[in-house]
């Protein structure tokens, strides 16, 4: 009964958001990152996919298969008209088992393979960054040969000063643009003190994916990639300048926007985020 009530609620939200095209800055319903509904996915994969679809969302970035094989997950997605456009894996996966990663990504029907963390101790060092650059170029070339694109997702620690810029600048400049692209997490660009809109303008052809996430007002910045879940809030109610960021993104190569809401209240907050994005 509760599940049916929730689905009916989300369906009403979806009907509202789909009654007209999205706003000028976001012209279609954005996707969502599976991490947003990680607890629900861990308990009920089909039910969670039903919930996502009831919100009007048909674009999904998977960071976990939640006990499913890639073909089984693809079948569940296809049954609901949901597309897995990006498949997130661990850094070690692309280094140690790259062929298996690519097989799973293709089975899912993904266009992108994404890594979101460079293993490191303390501050990210130039030496570790240089090794990551080599690994990204190598895996990106393999992915490209399979018709896939590789993206690296920032988490804040990459913005330490280095040479005339930051380690993030160094990673962007030293990776092959034919093989390596980027996914901007706007919160983990803003929290370390960077301007997401300015960074998009600086590298307009390197970003392909974007995580939309807002941060509760009053929360201090950090560059450790750590945010208390309750400090992830409905887009437009936090610290980030969403209109400026989305306006900048429209002038870049960004193809997919994914809502990432880390809050335990994400099932209630995501529909509110969709309403906000629609009015922009």
C-alpha atoms as a PDB file:
ATOM      1  CA  UNK A   1       0.000   0.000   0.000  1.00  0.00           C
ATOM      2  CA  UNK A   2       2.776   2.446   0.964  1.00  0.00           C
ATOM      3  CA  UNK A   3       4.713   1.696  -2.214  1.00  0.00           C
ATOM      4  CA  UNK A   4       1.605   2.306  -4.354  1.00  0.00           C
ATOM      5  CA  UNK A   5       0.928   5.571  -2.532  1.00  0.00           C
ATOM      6  CA  UNK A   6       4.495   6.763  -3.100  1.00  0.00           C
ATOM      7  CA  UNK A   7       4.386   5.849  -6.786  1.00  0.00           C
ATOM      8  CA  UNK A   8       1.080   7.711  -7.169  1.00  0.00           C
ATOM      9  CA  UNK A   9       2.648  10.768  -5.514  1.00  0.00           C
ATOM     10  CA  UNK A  10       5.708  10.710  -7.747  1.00  0.00           C
ATOM     11  CA  UNK A  11       3.532  10.140 -10.819  1.00  0.00           C
ATOM     12  CA  UNK A  12       1.608  13.301 -10.006  1.00  0.00           C
ATOM     13  CA  UNK A  13       4.885  15.202  -9.792  1.00  0.00           C
ATOM     14  CA  UNK A  14       6.022  13.695 -13.102  1.00  0.00           C
ATOM     15  CA  UNK A  15       2.789  14.713 -14.816  1.00  0.00           C
ATOM     16  CA  UNK A  16       3.281  18.254 -13.545  1.00  0.00           C
ATOM     17  CA  UNK A  17       6.882  18.497 -14.703  1.00  0.00           C
ATOM     18  CA  UNK A  18       6.104  16.966 -18.088  1.00  0.00           C
ATOM     19  CA  UNK A  19       3.021  19.074 -18.790  1.00  0.00           C
ATOM     20  CA  UNK A  20       5.266  21.542 -20.615  1.00  0.00           C
ATOM     21  CA  UNK A  21       8.872  21.440 -21.817  1.00  0.00           C
ATOM     22  CA  UNK A  22      11.449  22.143 -19.139  1.00  0.00           C
ATOM     23  CA  UNK A  23      12.695  25.696 -18.656  1.00  0.00           C
ATOM     24  CA  UNK A  24      15.112  27.603 -20.830  1.00  0.00           C
ATOM     25  CA  UNK A  25      18.200  26.405 -18.971  1.00  0.00           C
ATOM     26  CA  UNK A  26      17.158  22.742 -18.629  1.00  0.00           C
ATOM     27  CA  UNK A  27      15.033  21.775 -21.598  1.00  0.00           C
ATOM     28  CA  UNK A  28      14.504  18.117 -20.789  1.00  0.00           C
ATOM     29  CA  UNK A  29      14.098  16.082 -17.638  1.00  0.00           C
ATOM     30  CA  UNK A  30      17.580  15.521 -16.177  1.00  0.00           C
ATOM     31  CA  UNK A  31      18.858  12.124 -15.182  1.00  0.00           C
ATOM     32  CA  UNK A  32      19.715  10.853 -11.740  1.00  0.00           C
ATOM     33  CA  UNK A  33      22.717   9.097 -10.183  1.00  0.00           C
ATOM     34  CA  UNK A  34      21.925   5.717  -8.620  1.00  0.00           C
ATOM     35  CA  UNK A  35      23.751   6.861  -5.450  1.00  0.00           C
ATOM     36  CA  UNK A  36      20.807   9.194  -4.826  1.00  0.00           C
ATOM     37  CA  UNK A  37      18.589   6.173  -4.137  1.00  0.00           C
ATOM     38  CA  UNK A  38      21.314   3.823  -2.882  1.00  0.00           C
ATOM     39  CA  UNK A  39      19.351   2.634   0.156  1.00  0.00           C
ATOM     40  CA  UNK A  40      16.254   1.887  -1.898  1.00  0.00           C
ATOM     41  CA  UNK A  41      18.267   0.157  -4.630  1.00  0.00           C
ATOM     42  CA  UNK A  42      19.916  -2.017  -1.993  1.00  0.00           C
ATOM     43  CA  UNK A  43      16.503  -3.313  -0.908  1.00  0.00           C
ATOM     44  CA  UNK A  44      14.458  -3.400  -4.118  1.00  0.00           C
ATOM     45  CA  UNK A  45      15.987  -2.751  -7.541  1.00  0.00           C
ATOM     46  CA  UNK A  46      12.780  -3.126  -9.624  1.00  0.00           C
ATOM     47  CA  UNK A  47      10.769  -1.029  -7.182  1.00  0.00           C
ATOM     48  CA  UNK A  48      13.383   1.727  -7.169  1.00  0.00           C
ATOM     49  CA  UNK A  49      13.449   1.812 -10.952  1.00  0.00           C
ATOM     50  CA  UNK A  50       9.655   2.101 -10.888  1.00  0.00           C
ATOM     51  CA  UNK A  51       9.953   5.050  -8.514  1.00  0.00           C
ATOM     52  CA  UNK A  52      12.520   6.750 -10.760  1.00  0.00           C
ATOM     53  CA  UNK A  53      10.342   6.253 -13.819  1.00  0.00           C
ATOM     54  CA  UNK A  54       7.301   7.595 -11.949  1.00  0.00           C
ATOM     55  CA  UNK A  55       9.225  10.845 -11.457  1.00  0.00           C
ATOM     56  CA  UNK A  56       9.562  11.175 -15.217  1.00  0.00           C
ATOM     57  CA  UNK A  57      13.275  10.349 -15.144  1.00  0.00           C
ATOM     58  CA  UNK A  58      14.540   8.024 -17.883  1.00  0.00           C
ATOM     59  CA  UNK A  59      18.288   8.772 -17.793  1.00  0.00           C
ATOM     60  CA  UNK A  60      20.347   6.947 -15.154  1.00  0.00           C
ATOM     61  CA  UNK A  61      23.984   6.911 -14.130  1.00  0.00           C
ATOM     62  CA  UNK A  62      24.724   3.627 -12.399  1.00  0.00           C
ATOM     63  CA  UNK A  63      27.542   3.521  -9.854  1.00  0.00           C
ATOM     64  CA  UNK A  64      26.584   0.075  -8.589  1.00  0.00           C
ATOM     65  CA  UNK A  65      24.789  -2.952 -10.028  1.00  0.00           C
ATOM     66  CA  UNK A  66      23.203  -3.751  -6.628  1.00  0.00           C
ATOM     67  CA  UNK A  67      23.672  -7.500  -6.955  1.00  0.00           C
ATOM     68  CA  UNK A  68      22.460  -7.667 -10.551  1.00  0.00           C
ATOM     69  CA  UNK A  69      24.472  -8.792 -13.542  1.00  0.00           C
ATOM     70  CA  UNK A  70      24.845  -6.178 -16.250  1.00  0.00           C
ATOM     71  CA  UNK A  71      22.495  -8.044 -18.656  1.00  0.00           C
ATOM     72  CA  UNK A  72      19.885  -8.487 -15.900  1.00  0.00           C
ATOM     73  CA  UNK A  73      20.057  -4.808 -14.994  1.00  0.00           C
ATOM     74  CA  UNK A  74      19.780  -3.874 -18.669  1.00  0.00           C
ATOM     75  CA  UNK A  75      16.628  -5.980 -18.959  1.00  0.00           C
ATOM     76  CA  UNK A  76      15.070  -4.206 -15.962  1.00  0.00           C
ATOM     77  CA  UNK A  77      15.957  -0.840 -17.462  1.00  0.00           C
ATOM     78  CA  UNK A  78      14.615  -1.721 -20.899  1.00  0.00           C
ATOM     79  CA  UNK A  79      11.321  -2.891 -19.424  1.00  0.00           C
ATOM     80  CA  UNK A  80      10.831   0.603 -18.026  1.00  0.00           C
ATOM     81  CA  UNK A  81      12.246   2.670 -20.862  1.00  0.00           C
ATOM     82  CA  UNK A  82      15.181   3.849 -18.752  1.00  0.00           C
ATOM     83  CA  UNK A  83      18.623   4.345 -20.294  1.00  0.00           C
ATOM     84  CA  UNK A  84      21.886   3.796 -18.418  1.00  0.00           C
ATOM     85  CA  UNK A  85      23.950   6.470 -20.136  1.00  0.00           C
ATOM     86  CA  UNK A  86      26.923   6.314 -17.754  1.00  0.00           C
ATOM     87  CA  UNK A  87      28.446   3.474 -15.756  1.00  0.00           C
ATOM     88  CA  UNK A  88      30.583   4.358 -12.734  1.00  0.00           C
ATOM     89  CA  UNK A  89      33.382   2.050 -11.596  1.00  0.00           C
ATOM     90  CA  UNK A  90      36.343   2.168  -9.211  1.00  0.00           C
ATOM     91  CA  UNK A  91      39.815   3.328 -10.204  1.00  0.00           C
ATOM     92  CA  UNK A  92      41.246  -0.152  -9.588  1.00  0.00           C
ATOM     93  CA  UNK A  93      38.675  -1.611 -11.995  1.00  0.00           C
ATOM     94  CA  UNK A  94      39.987   0.346 -14.974  1.00  0.00           C
ATOM     95  CA  UNK A  95      43.581  -0.532 -14.069  1.00  0.00           C
ATOM     96  CA  UNK A  96      43.231  -4.215 -13.157  1.00  0.00           C
ATOM     97  CA  UNK A  97      40.178  -5.431 -15.096  1.00  0.00           C
ATOM     98  CA  UNK A  98      39.587  -2.943 -17.919  1.00  0.00           C
ATOM     99  CA  UNK A  99      38.175  -5.521 -20.346  1.00  0.00           C
ATOM    100  CA  UNK A 100      35.541  -6.660 -17.833  1.00  0.00           C
ATOM    101  CA  UNK A 101      34.532  -3.042 -17.211  1.00  0.00           C
ATOM    102  CA  UNK A 102      34.018  -2.454 -20.909  1.00  0.00           C
ATOM    103  CA  UNK A 103      32.022  -5.663 -21.321  1.00  0.00           C
ATOM    104  CA  UNK A 104      29.668  -4.620 -18.504  1.00  0.00           C
ATOM    105  CA  UNK A 105      29.350  -1.076 -19.807  1.00  0.00           C
ATOM    106  CA  UNK A 106      28.370  -2.307 -23.259  1.00  0.00           C
ATOM    107  CA  UNK A 107      25.934  -4.823 -21.791  1.00  0.00           C
ATOM    108  CA  UNK A 108      24.272  -1.981 -19.887  1.00  0.00           C
ATOM    109  CA  UNK A 109      24.025   0.076 -23.054  1.00  0.00           C
ATOM    110  CA  UNK A 110      26.099   2.874 -21.524  1.00  0.00           C
ATOM    111  CA  UNK A 111      27.867   5.540 -23.542  1.00  0.00           C
ATOM    112  CA  UNK A 112      30.237   6.574 -20.770  1.00  0.00           C
ATOM    113  CA  UNK A 113      32.433   4.877 -18.182  1.00  0.00           C
ATOM    114  CA  UNK A 114      33.173   7.064 -15.174  1.00  0.00           C
ATOM    115  CA  UNK A 115      35.681   6.987 -12.312  1.00  0.00           C
ATOM    116  CA  UNK A 116      35.038   9.286  -9.348  1.00  0.00           C
ATOM    117  CA  UNK A 117      38.032   8.854  -7.045  1.00  0.00           C
ATOM    118  CA  UNK A 118      41.813   8.691  -7.355  1.00  0.00           C
ATOM    119  CA  UNK A 119      43.183   6.622  -4.433  1.00  0.00           C
ATOM    120  CA  UNK A 120      45.569   8.753  -2.378  1.00  0.00           C
ATOM    121  CA  UNK A 121      46.786   9.406   1.155  1.00  0.00           C
ATOM    122  CA  UNK A 122      46.538  12.902   2.599  1.00  0.00           C
ATOM    123  CA  UNK A 123      46.701  15.534  -0.126  1.00  0.00           C
ATOM    124  CA  UNK A 124      46.742  14.401  -3.728  1.00  0.00           C
ATOM    125  CA  UNK A 125      50.376  14.526  -4.798  1.00  0.00           C
ATOM    126  CA  UNK A 126      51.692  15.438  -8.262  1.00  0.00           C
ATOM    127  CA  UNK A 127      53.196  11.947  -8.505  1.00  0.00           C
ATOM    128  CA  UNK A 128      49.830  10.258  -7.904  1.00  0.00           C
ATOM    129  CA  UNK A 129      48.172  12.670 -10.334  1.00  0.00           C
ATOM    130  CA  UNK A 130      50.748  11.803 -13.004  1.00  0.00           C
ATOM    131  CA  UNK A 131      50.062   8.096 -12.560  1.00  0.00           C
ATOM    132  CA  UNK A 132      46.325   8.764 -12.813  1.00  0.00           C
ATOM    133  CA  UNK A 133      46.885  10.673 -16.041  1.00  0.00           C
ATOM    134  CA  UNK A 134      48.726   7.699 -17.510  1.00  0.00           C
ATOM    135  CA  UNK A 135      46.023   5.270 -16.364  1.00  0.00           C
ATOM    136  CA  UNK A 136      43.227   7.495 -17.657  1.00  0.00           C
ATOM    137  CA  UNK A 137      44.859   7.857 -21.067  1.00  0.00           C
ATOM    138  CA  UNK A 138      45.423   4.123 -21.303  1.00  0.00           C
ATOM    139  CA  UNK A 139      41.900   3.119 -20.303  1.00  0.00           C
ATOM    140  CA  UNK A 140      40.355   5.933 -22.311  1.00  0.00           C
ATOM    141  CA  UNK A 141      42.032   4.627 -25.449  1.00  0.00           C
ATOM    142  CA  UNK A 142      40.648   1.135 -24.796  1.00  0.00           C
ATOM    143  CA  UNK A 143      37.167   2.575 -24.185  1.00  0.00           C
ATOM    144  CA  UNK A 144      37.350   4.659 -27.333  1.00  0.00           C
ATOM    145  CA  UNK A 145      38.137   1.555 -29.382  1.00  0.00           C
ATOM    146  CA  UNK A 146      34.894   0.034 -28.045  1.00  0.00           C
ATOM    147  CA  UNK A 147      32.828   3.107 -28.902  1.00  0.00           C
ATOM    148  CA  UNK A 148      32.728   4.322 -25.287  1.00  0.00           C
ATOM    149  CA  UNK A 149      33.911   7.537 -23.647  1.00  0.00           C
ATOM    150  CA  UNK A 150      35.796   7.715 -20.352  1.00  0.00           C
ATOM    151  CA  UNK A 151      35.110  10.486 -17.822  1.00  0.00           C
ATOM    152  CA  UNK A 152      36.761  11.456 -14.550  1.00  0.00           C
ATOM    153  CA  UNK A 153      34.553  12.975 -11.829  1.00  0.00           C
ATOM    154  CA  UNK A 154      36.179  15.543  -9.525  1.00  0.00           C
ATOM    155  CA  UNK A 155      35.858  15.440  -5.744  1.00  0.00           C
ATOM    156  CA  UNK A 156      37.624  18.596  -4.610  1.00  0.00           C
ATOM    157  CA  UNK A 157      41.084  17.391  -3.648  1.00  0.00           C
ATOM    158  CA  UNK A 158      42.261  17.979  -7.231  1.00  0.00           C
ATOM    159  CA  UNK A 159      42.156  21.761  -6.778  1.00  0.00           C
ATOM    160  CA  UNK A 160      45.362  22.117  -4.776  1.00  0.00           C
ATOM    161  CA  UNK A 161      47.725  24.659  -6.367  1.00  0.00           C
ATOM    162  CA  UNK A 162      50.227  23.206  -8.800  1.00  0.00           C
ATOM    163  CA  UNK A 163      52.578  25.038 -11.146  1.00  0.00           C
ATOM    164  CA  UNK A 164      50.585  27.947 -12.622  1.00  0.00           C
ATOM    165  CA  UNK A 165      47.184  26.460 -11.797  1.00  0.00           C
ATOM    166  CA  UNK A 166      45.844  23.463  -9.910  1.00  0.00           C
ATOM    167  CA  UNK A 167      46.314  19.704 -10.090  1.00  0.00           C
ATOM    168  CA  UNK A 168      42.923  19.584 -11.783  1.00  0.00           C
ATOM    169  CA  UNK A 169      44.232  21.891 -14.505  1.00  0.00           C
ATOM    170  CA  UNK A 170      47.241  19.630 -14.841  1.00  0.00           C
ATOM    171  CA  UNK A 171      45.079  16.513 -15.186  1.00  0.00           C
ATOM    172  CA  UNK A 172      42.902  18.166 -17.825  1.00  0.00           C
ATOM    173  CA  UNK A 173      45.857  19.488 -19.780  1.00  0.00           C
ATOM    174  CA  UNK A 174      47.881  16.265 -19.696  1.00  0.00           C
ATOM    175  CA  UNK A 175      45.098  13.841 -20.595  1.00  0.00           C
ATOM    176  CA  UNK A 176      44.325  13.170 -24.242  1.00  0.00           C
ATOM    177  CA  UNK A 177      41.025  14.905 -25.127  1.00  0.00           C
ATOM    178  CA  UNK A 178      40.284  12.130 -27.625  1.00  0.00           C
ATOM    179  CA  UNK A 179      40.265   9.582 -24.801  1.00  0.00           C
ATOM    180  CA  UNK A 180      39.540  11.420 -21.547  1.00  0.00           C
ATOM    181  CA  UNK A 181      36.633  13.698 -20.683  1.00  0.00           C
ATOM    182  CA  UNK A 182      35.258  14.926 -17.367  1.00  0.00           C
ATOM    183  CA  UNK A 183      32.167  14.888 -15.213  1.00  0.00           C
ATOM    184  CA  UNK A 184      31.807  18.015 -13.107  1.00  0.00           C
ATOM    185  CA  UNK A 185      30.348  17.597  -9.667  1.00  0.00           C
ATOM    186  CA  UNK A 186      29.266  21.181  -9.112  1.00  0.00           C
ATOM    187  CA  UNK A 187      29.239  20.860  -5.320  1.00  0.00           C
ATOM    188  CA  UNK A 188      32.753  19.384  -5.287  1.00  0.00           C
ATOM    189  CA  UNK A 189      33.883  22.223  -7.492  1.00  0.00           C
ATOM    190  CA  UNK A 190      32.279  24.912  -5.340  1.00  0.00           C
ATOM    191  CA  UNK A 191      33.179  23.581  -1.879  1.00  0.00           C
ATOM    192  CA  UNK A 192      36.978  23.744  -2.471  1.00  0.00           C
ATOM    193  CA  UNK A 193      36.562  27.398  -3.490  1.00  0.00           C
ATOM    194  CA  UNK A 194      36.238  27.109  -7.267  1.00  0.00           C
ATOM    195  CA  UNK A 195      33.615  28.722  -9.504  1.00  0.00           C
ATOM    196  CA  UNK A 196      31.788  25.975 -11.453  1.00  0.00           C
ATOM    197  CA  UNK A 197      30.574  28.358 -14.180  1.00  0.00           C
ATOM    198  CA  UNK A 198      34.086  29.753 -14.683  1.00  0.00           C
ATOM    199  CA  UNK A 199      35.625  26.271 -14.840  1.00  0.00           C
ATOM    200  CA  UNK A 200      33.064  25.216 -17.448  1.00  0.00           C
ATOM    201  CA  UNK A 201      33.972  28.287 -19.504  1.00  0.00           C
ATOM    202  CA  UNK A 202      37.688  27.502 -19.113  1.00  0.00           C
ATOM    203  CA  UNK A 203      37.307  23.945 -20.467  1.00  0.00           C
ATOM    204  CA  UNK A 204      34.127  24.038 -22.599  1.00  0.00           C
ATOM    205  CA  UNK A 205      35.009  20.960 -24.647  1.00  0.00           C
ATOM    206  CA  UNK A 206      36.255  18.697 -21.862  1.00  0.00           C
ATOM    207  CA  UNK A 207      33.150  18.293 -19.690  1.00  0.00           C
ATOM    208  CA  UNK A 208      30.549  15.781 -20.945  1.00  0.00           C
ATOM    209  CA  UNK A 209      28.628  14.931 -17.766  1.00  0.00           C
ATOM    210  CA  UNK A 210      27.521  16.906 -14.712  1.00  0.00           C
ATOM    211  CA  UNK A 211      26.276  16.117 -11.214  1.00  0.00           C
ATOM    212  CA  UNK A 212      23.679  18.610  -9.965  1.00  0.00           C
ATOM    213  CA  UNK A 213      23.965  18.903  -6.199  1.00  0.00           C
ATOM    214  CA  UNK A 214      23.320  21.782  -3.800  1.00  0.00           C
ATOM    215  CA  UNK A 215      24.782  22.388  -0.335  1.00  0.00           C
ATOM    216  CA  UNK A 216      22.908  23.623   2.715  1.00  0.00           C
ATOM    217  CA  UNK A 217      23.489  27.289   3.497  1.00  0.00           C
ATOM    218  CA  UNK A 218      26.048  27.858   6.222  1.00  0.00           C
ATOM    219  CA  UNK A 219      28.022  24.681   5.549  1.00  0.00           C
ATOM    220  CA  UNK A 220      31.744  25.438   5.327  1.00  0.00           C
ATOM    221  CA  UNK A 221      33.772  24.479   2.276  1.00  0.00           C
ATOM    222  CA  UNK A 222      36.355  21.705   2.170  1.00  0.00           C
ATOM    223  CA  UNK A 223      38.505  19.905  -0.355  1.00  0.00           C
ATOM    224  CA  UNK A 224      38.240  16.381   1.061  1.00  0.00           C
ATOM    225  CA  UNK A 225      35.234  15.163  -0.920  1.00  0.00           C
ATOM    226  CA  UNK A 226      33.219  14.660   2.277  1.00  0.00           C
ATOM    227  CA  UNK A 227      29.757  16.101   2.853  1.00  0.00           C
ATOM    228  CA  UNK A 228      27.324  15.042   5.579  1.00  0.00           C
ATOM    229  CA  UNK A 229      24.299  13.556   3.778  1.00  0.00           C
ATOM    230  CA  UNK A 230      21.843  15.880   5.524  1.00  0.00           C
ATOM    231  CA  UNK A 231      23.683  18.867   4.017  1.00  0.00           C
ATOM    232  CA  UNK A 232      22.616  17.862   0.499  1.00  0.00           C
ATOM    233  CA  UNK A 233      19.509  19.955  -0.185  1.00  0.00           C
ATOM    234  CA  UNK A 234      16.918  20.653  -2.877  1.00  0.00           C
ATOM    235  CA  UNK A 235      18.495  22.463  -5.825  1.00  0.00           C
ATOM    236  CA  UNK A 236      18.023  26.207  -5.590  1.00  0.00           C
ATOM    237  CA  UNK A 237      17.721  26.243  -1.785  1.00  0.00           C
ATOM    238  CA  UNK A 238      21.435  26.025  -0.999  1.00  0.00           C
ATOM    239  CA  UNK A 239      24.641  27.913  -1.678  1.00  0.00           C
ATOM    240  CA  UNK A 240      25.256  27.264  -5.364  1.00  0.00           C
ATOM    241  CA  UNK A 241      24.217  29.685  -8.122  1.00  0.00           C
ATOM    242  CA  UNK A 242      22.276  27.187 -10.211  1.00  0.00           C
ATOM    243  CA  UNK A 243      21.126  29.562 -12.972  1.00  0.00           C
ATOM    244  CA  UNK A 244      24.690  30.746 -13.625  1.00  0.00           C
ATOM    245  CA  UNK A 245      26.046  27.194 -13.648  1.00  0.00           C
ATOM    246  CA  UNK A 246      23.349  25.842 -15.949  1.00  0.00           C
ATOM    247  CA  UNK A 247      23.688  28.826 -18.270  1.00  0.00           C
ATOM    248  CA  UNK A 248      27.434  28.150 -18.528  1.00  0.00           C
ATOM    249  CA  UNK A 249      26.835  24.439 -19.115  1.00  0.00           C
ATOM    250  CA  UNK A 250      24.627  25.229 -22.111  1.00  0.00           C
ATOM    251  CA  UNK A 251      27.733  26.611 -23.863  1.00  0.00           C
ATOM    252  CA  UNK A 252      29.840  23.480 -23.342  1.00  0.00           C
ATOM    253  CA  UNK A 253      29.970  19.855 -24.460  1.00  0.00           C
ATOM    254  CA  UNK A 254      27.962  18.667 -21.421  1.00  0.00           C
ATOM    255  CA  UNK A 255      25.473  16.058 -22.652  1.00  0.00           C
ATOM    256  CA  UNK A 256      23.978  14.633 -19.458  1.00  0.00           C
ATOM    257  CA  UNK A 257      22.836  16.297 -16.252  1.00  0.00           C
ATOM    258  CA  UNK A 258      22.371  13.943 -13.295  1.00  0.00           C
ATOM    259  CA  UNK A 259      20.680  14.914 -10.046  1.00  0.00           C
ATOM    260  CA  UNK A 260      22.755  13.713  -7.113  1.00  0.00           C
ATOM    261  CA  UNK A 261      20.978  14.162  -3.801  1.00  0.00           C
ATOM    262  CA  UNK A 262      22.864  12.485  -0.966  1.00  0.00           C
ATOM    263  CA  UNK A 263      20.223  13.245   1.678  1.00  0.00           C
ATOM    264  CA  UNK A 264      18.193  10.473   3.374  1.00  0.00           C
ATOM    265  CA  UNK A 265      15.209  12.586   2.254  1.00  0.00           C
ATOM    266  CA  UNK A 266      16.148  12.284  -1.431  1.00  0.00           C
ATOM    267  CA  UNK A 267      12.876  10.533  -2.419  1.00  0.00           C
ATOM    268  CA  UNK A 268      11.028  13.637  -1.231  1.00  0.00           C
ATOM    269  CA  UNK A 269      13.628  16.196  -2.328  1.00  0.00           C
ATOM    270  CA  UNK A 270      14.194  15.030  -5.912  1.00  0.00           C
ATOM    271  CA  UNK A 271      10.616  15.836  -7.019  1.00  0.00           C
ATOM    272  CA  UNK A 272      11.070  19.332  -5.540  1.00  0.00           C
ATOM    273  CA  UNK A 273      14.342  19.675  -7.442  1.00  0.00           C
ATOM    274  CA  UNK A 274      12.567  18.727 -10.663  1.00  0.00           C
ATOM    275  CA  UNK A 275       9.946  21.414 -10.097  1.00  0.00           C
ATOM    276  CA  UNK A 276      12.711  23.969  -9.471  1.00  0.00           C
ATOM    277  CA  UNK A 277      14.626  23.026 -12.620  1.00  0.00           C
ATOM    278  CA  UNK A 278      11.483  23.213 -14.708  1.00  0.00           C
ATOM    279  CA  UNK A 279      10.894  26.846 -13.804  1.00  0.00           C
ATOM    280  CA  UNK A 280      14.390  28.035 -14.765  1.00  0.00           C
END
